[in-house]
């Protein structure tokens, strides 16, 4: 699925003057021999937004970032900042800076001198004052005289960020910047990066394979697959109403159940899945006839012992499942439920303590609200976007 004239949503505070310096990619393509890494990409990133390119390894996101940075030359297409064509500019002549996963700090210099390096190299005045402003921004005031090896991974990341921001780029590119951090620190840095982006008001373009990372920080996410954008929009829109099976599976988890369109009226469609009638609105259905995938997120599903729950008016239900596995995963319990047609569905239930935990072997029914249903084309691969161990970078 290709995307033409894809445009991210600018923050509400952006003005017309700011949007005149949007980052625009037009028909951008990059081929390495016979392999096309990025295919005819059209994309506009509004100035001042936090934009994420999300996708698995090999999808083209890093290649796209490297073309914007000037580290790769496009096979065809143009890159603009506002009205300025920067496609052929050398990297150091672009108003763009990049923060890499490995930080690339100078080990023999202090934190202060690492941040000051670029300004001193260009012979700028009042270096100390600008460095101190950056140190305050990234909250490293007590670390200025230390060397990088004396800092934690998160602190080193902040130094790399300050060193990039002090050069006052129009666009900051972030290439998997949190990939080397452990989970707890990575989550802390996600919040910090968003805070810093809001403080400085620059355009951030963030490349990541981590769905949580993208959804936590970005105003807009473009999900890439095979060199093209599958879907783009605010995180909530992509998660709640995915356009393809790839997006449904890569951005979180989804239950996808084979069905057949049965009937519909007054904006409501009905799908038959193995004898159960499932309602869905036309706005949440990508196809309106024939074979389909009926989708619902695991945390949207309510599980009940067979016969215990009365169906509400807006509920979709499938009955007669058997719990095959119960896993405690901290904030929630994960159930695997084998349905009469042989498919295992996943259910997440928050561990509030208000309900008992169902044991394997229990016969159950599954219910979810109709507005949480989405429908996709059955010609798409139901396993597209499902990460395996081999997919993990």
Protein backbone atom coordinates (compact mmCIF):
# COMPACT_ATOMS: atom_id res chain seq x y z
CA UNK A 1 0.00 0.00 0.00
CA UNK A 2 1.54 3.31 -1.08
CA UNK A 3 0.75 6.69 0.41
CA UNK A 4 0.50 9.84 -1.67
CA UNK A 5 0.74 13.32 -0.20
CA UNK A 6 0.78 11.95 3.34
CA UNK A 7 0.68 14.88 5.72
CA UNK A 8 1.13 14.70 9.47
CA UNK A 9 -1.09 16.71 11.77
CA UNK A 10 0.67 19.82 13.04
CA UNK A 11 0.44 20.74 16.73
CA UNK A 12 -2.31 23.21 17.51
CA UNK A 13 0.26 25.89 18.39
CA UNK A 14 1.92 25.87 14.95
CA UNK A 15 1.52 29.07 12.96
CA UNK A 16 1.52 29.73 9.23
CA UNK A 17 5.05 31.06 9.52
CA UNK A 18 6.15 27.75 11.02
CA UNK A 19 4.45 25.56 8.44
CA UNK A 20 6.40 27.38 5.71
CA UNK A 21 9.44 25.41 6.94
CA UNK A 22 7.85 21.97 6.88
CA UNK A 23 10.02 19.00 5.96
CA UNK A 24 8.75 17.57 2.65
CA UNK A 25 9.76 14.39 0.85
CA UNK A 26 8.55 14.13 -2.74
CA UNK A 27 8.65 10.86 -4.71
CA UNK A 28 11.63 9.81 -2.61
CA UNK A 29 13.13 6.49 -3.68
CA UNK A 30 16.30 4.66 -2.70
CA UNK A 31 17.51 1.52 -4.45
CA UNK A 32 20.55 -0.58 -3.59
CA UNK A 33 21.09 -2.49 -6.81
CA UNK A 34 17.89 -4.42 -7.50
CA UNK A 35 16.62 -3.95 -3.93
CA UNK A 36 14.35 -0.93 -3.45
CA UNK A 37 14.55 0.16 0.20
CA UNK A 38 12.23 3.18 -0.09
CA UNK A 39 9.58 3.40 -2.82
CA UNK A 40 8.19 6.67 -4.18
CA UNK A 41 7.61 8.21 -0.75
CA UNK A 42 5.57 11.42 -0.44
CA UNK A 43 5.51 12.85 3.07
CA UNK A 44 5.10 16.19 4.84
CA UNK A 45 6.23 16.67 8.44
CA UNK A 46 4.95 19.99 9.87
CA UNK A 47 7.50 22.15 11.61
CA UNK A 48 7.42 21.78 15.38
CA UNK A 49 5.88 18.31 15.40
CA UNK A 50 7.19 15.09 16.95
CA UNK A 51 7.00 12.59 14.11
CA UNK A 52 7.81 8.87 14.29
CA UNK A 53 8.76 6.48 11.51
CA UNK A 54 7.81 3.09 12.93
CA UNK A 55 8.47 -0.32 11.44
CA UNK A 56 10.46 -3.55 11.61
CA UNK A 57 14.07 -3.96 10.55
CA UNK A 58 14.49 -3.56 6.81
CA UNK A 59 11.28 -1.57 6.25
CA UNK A 60 13.10 1.54 4.95
CA UNK A 61 12.74 3.87 7.94
CA UNK A 62 16.45 4.30 8.68
CA UNK A 63 17.24 4.69 4.98
CA UNK A 64 14.65 7.48 4.83
CA UNK A 65 16.24 9.18 7.84
CA UNK A 66 19.73 8.89 6.32
CA UNK A 67 18.53 10.52 3.10
CA UNK A 68 17.13 13.46 5.08
CA UNK A 69 20.44 13.70 6.96
CA UNK A 70 22.43 13.62 3.72
CA UNK A 71 24.16 10.35 4.58
CA UNK A 72 22.48 8.56 1.64
CA UNK A 73 21.78 10.01 -1.79
CA UNK A 74 18.26 9.34 -3.12
CA UNK A 75 17.95 7.33 -6.31
CA UNK A 76 15.18 9.73 -7.25
CA UNK A 77 12.96 12.32 -5.61
CA UNK A 78 13.49 15.54 -3.69
CA UNK A 79 13.86 16.66 -0.07
CA UNK A 80 12.70 20.14 0.92
CA UNK A 81 12.83 22.27 4.04
CA UNK A 82 10.19 24.86 3.29
CA UNK A 83 10.98 26.06 -0.22
CA UNK A 84 14.67 25.08 0.03
CA UNK A 85 15.70 21.97 -1.91
CA UNK A 86 18.30 20.26 0.29
CA UNK A 87 18.46 16.99 -1.69
CA UNK A 88 22.04 17.50 -2.88
CA UNK A 89 23.43 19.49 0.04
CA UNK A 90 26.28 17.90 1.98
CA UNK A 91 25.34 16.82 5.52
CA UNK A 92 27.14 19.65 7.32
CA UNK A 93 25.40 22.26 5.16
CA UNK A 94 21.90 21.08 6.10
CA UNK A 95 20.01 22.62 9.05
CA UNK A 96 19.62 19.07 10.34
CA UNK A 97 21.33 17.19 13.16
CA UNK A 98 21.20 13.50 14.04
CA UNK A 99 21.32 11.67 17.38
CA UNK A 100 22.41 8.05 16.96
CA UNK A 101 21.88 5.01 19.14
CA UNK A 102 25.55 4.81 20.11
CA UNK A 103 25.66 8.54 21.14
CA UNK A 104 29.13 9.08 19.48
CA UNK A 105 30.45 11.18 22.39
CA UNK A 106 34.13 12.11 22.65
CA UNK A 107 35.43 9.95 25.52
CA UNK A 108 38.38 12.23 26.37
CA UNK A 109 36.26 15.39 26.73
CA UNK A 110 34.13 16.49 29.67
CA UNK A 111 30.38 16.72 29.31
CA UNK A 112 30.66 20.51 29.04
CA UNK A 113 33.28 20.27 26.30
CA UNK A 114 31.34 17.58 24.40
CA UNK A 115 28.34 19.89 24.22
CA UNK A 116 30.48 22.93 23.33
CA UNK A 117 32.47 21.14 20.60
CA UNK A 118 30.39 22.16 17.58
CA UNK A 119 30.13 25.83 18.57
CA UNK A 120 33.85 26.11 19.31
CA UNK A 121 34.72 24.46 16.01
CA UNK A 122 32.72 27.14 14.18
CA UNK A 123 34.29 29.91 16.26
CA UNK A 124 31.03 31.12 17.79
CA UNK A 125 30.93 33.59 20.68
CA UNK A 126 29.30 33.17 24.09
CA UNK A 127 29.83 29.42 23.97
CA UNK A 128 29.70 29.02 27.74
CA UNK A 129 26.31 30.68 28.08
CA UNK A 130 24.73 28.53 25.37
CA UNK A 131 26.26 25.35 26.80
CA UNK A 132 24.88 26.15 30.23
CA UNK A 133 21.42 26.67 28.74
CA UNK A 134 21.59 23.22 27.12
CA UNK A 135 22.85 21.62 30.33
CA UNK A 136 19.87 23.11 32.19
CA UNK A 137 17.49 21.89 29.47
CA UNK A 138 18.67 18.27 29.77
CA UNK A 139 19.03 18.53 33.58
CA UNK A 140 22.71 17.59 33.84
CA UNK A 141 23.95 20.52 35.92
CA UNK A 142 25.87 18.34 38.39
CA UNK A 143 27.63 16.31 35.68
CA UNK A 144 29.43 18.96 33.61
CA UNK A 145 33.00 18.05 34.61
CA UNK A 146 32.60 14.29 34.21
CA UNK A 147 33.67 12.21 31.23
CA UNK A 148 31.12 10.16 29.26
CA UNK A 149 32.30 6.88 30.80
CA UNK A 150 31.31 8.18 34.23
CA UNK A 151 27.67 8.65 33.19
CA UNK A 152 24.76 6.25 32.89
CA UNK A 153 23.32 5.40 29.49
CA UNK A 154 20.41 7.78 30.00
CA UNK A 155 22.75 10.62 30.98
CA UNK A 156 24.93 9.97 27.92
CA UNK A 157 21.81 10.14 25.77
CA UNK A 158 20.99 13.55 27.22
CA UNK A 159 24.51 14.79 26.44
CA UNK A 160 24.16 13.61 22.83
CA UNK A 161 20.81 15.39 22.62
CA UNK A 162 22.21 18.62 24.06
CA UNK A 163 25.18 18.49 21.66
CA UNK A 164 22.79 18.21 18.73
CA UNK A 165 20.33 20.87 19.94
CA UNK A 166 22.99 23.50 20.67
CA UNK A 167 23.63 23.80 16.94
CA UNK A 168 20.03 25.05 16.55
CA UNK A 169 18.95 22.69 13.76
CA UNK A 170 15.56 23.10 12.14
CA UNK A 171 15.07 19.33 12.23
CA UNK A 172 16.45 16.86 14.75
CA UNK A 173 16.70 13.26 13.54
CA UNK A 174 16.66 10.51 16.16
CA UNK A 175 17.89 7.11 14.93
CA UNK A 176 16.77 4.47 17.49
CA UNK A 177 18.16 6.76 20.22
CA UNK A 178 16.89 4.69 23.14
CA UNK A 179 17.68 1.23 21.79
CA UNK A 180 20.72 0.68 24.03
CA UNK A 181 18.89 1.47 27.28
CA UNK A 182 17.16 -0.99 29.58
CA UNK A 183 13.36 -1.00 29.70
CA UNK A 184 12.86 1.16 32.80
CA UNK A 185 15.36 3.81 31.70
CA UNK A 186 13.97 3.76 28.17
CA UNK A 187 10.51 4.61 29.48
CA UNK A 188 11.90 7.46 31.57
CA UNK A 189 13.76 8.84 28.56
CA UNK A 190 10.64 8.67 26.40
CA UNK A 191 8.97 11.16 28.73
CA UNK A 192 12.11 13.30 28.87
CA UNK A 193 12.49 13.45 25.09
CA UNK A 194 8.89 14.56 24.69
CA UNK A 195 9.36 17.22 27.37
CA UNK A 196 12.48 18.55 25.66
CA UNK A 197 10.79 18.59 22.25
CA UNK A 198 7.90 20.62 23.64
CA UNK A 199 10.34 23.01 25.35
CA UNK A 200 12.46 23.72 22.26
CA UNK A 201 9.65 23.49 19.69
CA UNK A 202 11.79 21.90 16.98
CA UNK A 203 10.76 19.27 14.47
CA UNK A 204 11.77 15.84 15.77
CA UNK A 205 11.80 12.88 13.36
CA UNK A 206 12.22 9.70 15.34
CA UNK A 207 12.99 6.29 13.83
CA UNK A 208 12.10 3.27 15.95
CA UNK A 209 10.91 -0.33 15.82
CA UNK A 210 9.40 0.03 19.32
CA UNK A 211 5.62 0.57 19.17
CA UNK A 212 5.31 1.79 22.75
CA UNK A 213 8.10 4.27 22.20
CA UNK A 214 6.42 5.72 19.11
CA UNK A 215 2.99 5.94 20.74
CA UNK A 216 4.35 7.53 23.94
CA UNK A 217 6.20 10.37 22.21
CA UNK A 218 4.91 11.06 18.71
CA UNK A 219 2.16 13.43 17.60
CA UNK A 220 2.01 11.45 14.36
CA UNK A 221 3.22 7.96 13.46
CA UNK A 222 3.93 6.65 9.96
CA UNK A 223 3.99 2.84 9.97
CA UNK A 224 6.42 1.65 7.30
CA UNK A 225 6.56 -1.75 5.65
CA UNK A 226 8.48 -2.80 2.58
CA UNK A 227 9.63 0.73 1.76
CA UNK A 228 6.16 2.34 1.81
CA UNK A 229 3.85 3.85 4.43
CA UNK A 230 1.02 1.49 5.33
CA UNK A 231 -0.85 4.03 7.44
CA UNK A 232 -0.17 7.39 9.06
CA UNK A 233 -1.94 9.40 11.73
CA UNK A 234 -2.18 10.10 15.46
CA UNK A 235 -1.24 7.09 17.64
CA UNK A 236 -4.80 6.60 18.92
CA UNK A 237 -6.24 6.56 15.39
CA UNK A 238 -3.77 3.95 14.14
CA UNK A 239 -4.28 1.77 17.19
CA UNK A 240 -8.07 1.96 17.38
CA UNK A 241 -8.80 1.77 13.65
CA UNK A 242 -5.93 0.10 11.74
CA UNK A 243 -6.16 0.15 7.95
CA UNK A 244 -4.25 -3.08 7.26
CA UNK A 245 -3.47 -6.36 8.96
CA UNK A 246 0.17 -5.28 9.16
CA UNK A 247 -0.71 -2.19 11.21
CA UNK A 248 -3.19 -4.15 13.33
CA UNK A 249 -0.52 -6.67 14.29
CA UNK A 250 2.60 -4.50 14.41
CA UNK A 251 1.07 -1.70 16.50
CA UNK A 252 0.07 -3.78 19.51
CA UNK A 253 -1.81 -7.09 19.19
CA UNK A 254 -5.06 -7.94 17.46
CA UNK A 255 -7.46 -10.85 17.26
CA UNK A 256 -8.33 -11.31 13.57
CA UNK A 257 -11.22 -13.69 12.89
CA UNK A 258 -12.26 -14.82 9.42
CA UNK A 259 -15.82 -13.81 8.52
CA UNK A 260 -18.24 -13.09 5.69
CA UNK A 261 -20.26 -9.92 5.21
CA UNK A 262 -23.90 -10.87 5.77
CA UNK A 263 -26.05 -7.72 5.66
CA UNK A 264 -26.21 -4.15 6.78
CA UNK A 265 -28.39 -1.06 7.04
CA UNK A 266 -28.44 2.43 8.53
CA UNK A 267 -24.66 2.65 8.62
CA UNK A 268 -24.27 -0.68 10.42
CA UNK A 269 -22.75 -3.76 8.80
CA UNK A 270 -23.17 -7.35 9.96
CA UNK A 271 -20.51 -10.02 9.61
CA UNK A 272 -21.06 -13.75 10.07
CA UNK A 273 -18.15 -15.42 11.89
CA UNK A 274 -18.73 -19.13 12.32
CA UNK A 275 -22.43 -18.62 13.01
CA UNK A 276 -22.14 -15.56 15.27
CA UNK A 277 -23.44 -12.21 13.98
CA UNK A 278 -20.99 -9.37 14.58
CA UNK A 279 -21.97 -5.71 14.14
CA UNK A 280 -19.59 -3.01 12.92
CA UNK A 281 -20.04 0.55 11.66
CA UNK A 282 -19.23 1.36 8.03
CA UNK A 283 -16.60 3.87 9.18
CA UNK A 284 -14.62 1.08 10.85
CA UNK A 285 -14.87 -1.37 7.95
CA UNK A 286 -12.32 -1.19 5.13
CA UNK A 287 -14.45 -3.47 2.93
CA UNK A 288 -18.24 -3.80 2.73
CA UNK A 289 -18.77 -7.17 1.10
CA UNK A 290 -17.25 -10.62 0.69
CA UNK A 291 -14.69 -12.30 2.96
CA UNK A 292 -13.20 -10.17 5.73
CA UNK A 293 -11.09 -10.22 8.87
CA UNK A 294 -13.03 -9.10 11.96
CA UNK A 295 -10.61 -7.47 14.39
CA UNK A 296 -10.69 -6.63 18.08
CA UNK A 297 -7.87 -5.73 20.47
CA UNK A 298 -7.29 -8.23 23.34
CA UNK A 299 -7.82 -5.64 26.09
CA UNK A 300 -11.23 -4.71 24.63
CA UNK A 301 -12.59 -8.24 25.16
CA UNK A 302 -14.61 -9.15 28.28
CA UNK A 303 -14.44 -12.79 29.32
CA UNK A 304 -17.20 -14.62 31.22
CA UNK A 305 -18.00 -18.16 32.23
CA UNK A 306 -20.41 -19.62 29.70
CA UNK A 307 -23.97 -18.50 30.43
CA UNK A 308 -23.00 -16.07 33.22
CA UNK A 309 -23.19 -12.81 31.24
CA UNK A 310 -26.23 -11.33 29.62
CA UNK A 311 -25.47 -9.66 26.32
CA UNK A 312 -25.96 -5.90 26.24
CA UNK A 313 -27.53 -4.22 23.23
CA UNK A 314 -24.28 -3.03 21.68
CA UNK A 315 -22.19 -6.13 22.45
CA UNK A 316 -20.61 -8.51 19.99
CA UNK A 317 -20.20 -12.03 21.35
CA UNK A 318 -18.64 -15.35 20.43
CA UNK A 319 -19.47 -18.30 22.66
CA UNK A 320 -18.25 -21.74 23.61
CA UNK A 321 -14.53 -21.07 23.99
CA UNK A 322 -12.20 -23.00 26.28
CA UNK A 323 -9.33 -21.38 28.17
CA UNK A 324 -6.08 -23.09 27.19
CA UNK A 325 -3.64 -20.86 29.06
CA UNK A 326 -3.71 -18.31 31.89
CA UNK A 327 -0.62 -16.10 32.37
CA UNK A 328 -0.09 -13.48 35.07
CA UNK A 329 1.90 -10.60 33.53
CA UNK A 330 1.75 -8.01 36.30
CA UNK A 331 -0.67 -5.28 35.34
CA UNK A 332 -2.93 -7.77 33.57
CA UNK A 333 -3.73 -11.44 33.11
CA UNK A 334 -3.43 -12.91 29.61
CA UNK A 335 -5.85 -15.62 28.56
CA UNK A 336 -5.65 -17.81 25.48
CA UNK A 337 -9.11 -19.04 24.50
CA UNK A 338 -9.63 -21.79 21.93
CA UNK A 339 -12.84 -21.25 20.00
CA UNK A 340 -15.05 -24.02 18.54
CA UNK A 341 -13.64 -23.40 15.05
CA UNK A 342 -10.09 -24.10 16.32
CA UNK A 343 -8.65 -20.56 16.52
CA UNK A 344 -7.01 -19.31 19.71
CA UNK A 345 -7.99 -15.76 20.70
CA UNK A 346 -6.12 -13.57 23.19
CA UNK A 347 -7.76 -11.66 26.03
CA UNK A 348 -6.07 -9.20 28.41
CA UNK A 349 -7.84 -8.44 31.68
CA UNK A 350 -6.54 -5.79 34.05
CA UNK A 351 -5.60 -7.13 37.47
CA UNK A 352 -7.90 -4.99 39.61
CA UNK A 353 -8.74 -7.83 41.99
CA UNK A 354 -12.46 -7.30 41.31
CA UNK A 355 -12.86 -10.60 39.45
CA UNK A 356 -11.65 -14.14 39.90
CA UNK A 357 -8.96 -15.55 37.63
CA UNK A 358 -10.25 -18.18 35.21
CA UNK A 359 -8.37 -21.48 35.14
CA UNK A 360 -7.37 -23.45 32.02
CA UNK A 361 -10.18 -25.77 30.95
CA UNK A 362 -12.96 -23.31 31.87
CA UNK A 363 -15.63 -22.89 29.20
CA UNK A 364 -16.15 -19.18 28.48
CA UNK A 365 -17.88 -16.66 26.23
CA UNK A 366 -16.20 -13.53 24.86
CA UNK A 367 -17.89 -10.14 24.54
CA UNK A 368 -16.82 -6.72 23.27
CA UNK A 369 -18.47 -3.44 22.42
CA UNK A 370 -19.37 -2.95 18.75
CA UNK A 371 -17.47 0.37 18.50
CA UNK A 372 -14.28 -1.59 19.28
CA UNK A 373 -14.71 -3.81 16.22
CA UNK A 374 -12.80 -3.15 12.98
CA UNK A 375 -12.98 -5.00 9.68
CA UNK A 376 -10.16 -5.55 7.15
CA UNK A 377 -9.81 -7.12 3.72
CA UNK A 378 -9.48 -10.91 3.93
CA UNK A 379 -7.07 -10.83 0.96
CA UNK A 380 -4.45 -9.49 3.36
CA UNK A 381 -2.24 -11.88 5.33
CA UNK A 382 -3.63 -12.25 8.86
CA UNK A 383 -0.11 -12.79 10.22
CA UNK A 384 1.43 -9.71 8.54
CA UNK A 385 3.24 -7.56 11.10
CA UNK A 386 3.40 -10.26 13.77
CA UNK A 387 6.90 -10.04 15.22
CA UNK A 388 8.87 -13.22 15.78
CA UNK A 389 12.13 -13.79 17.64
CA UNK A 390 14.01 -13.51 14.32
CA UNK A 391 12.44 -10.07 13.67
CA UNK A 392 13.75 -8.53 16.87
CA UNK A 393 16.77 -6.25 16.22
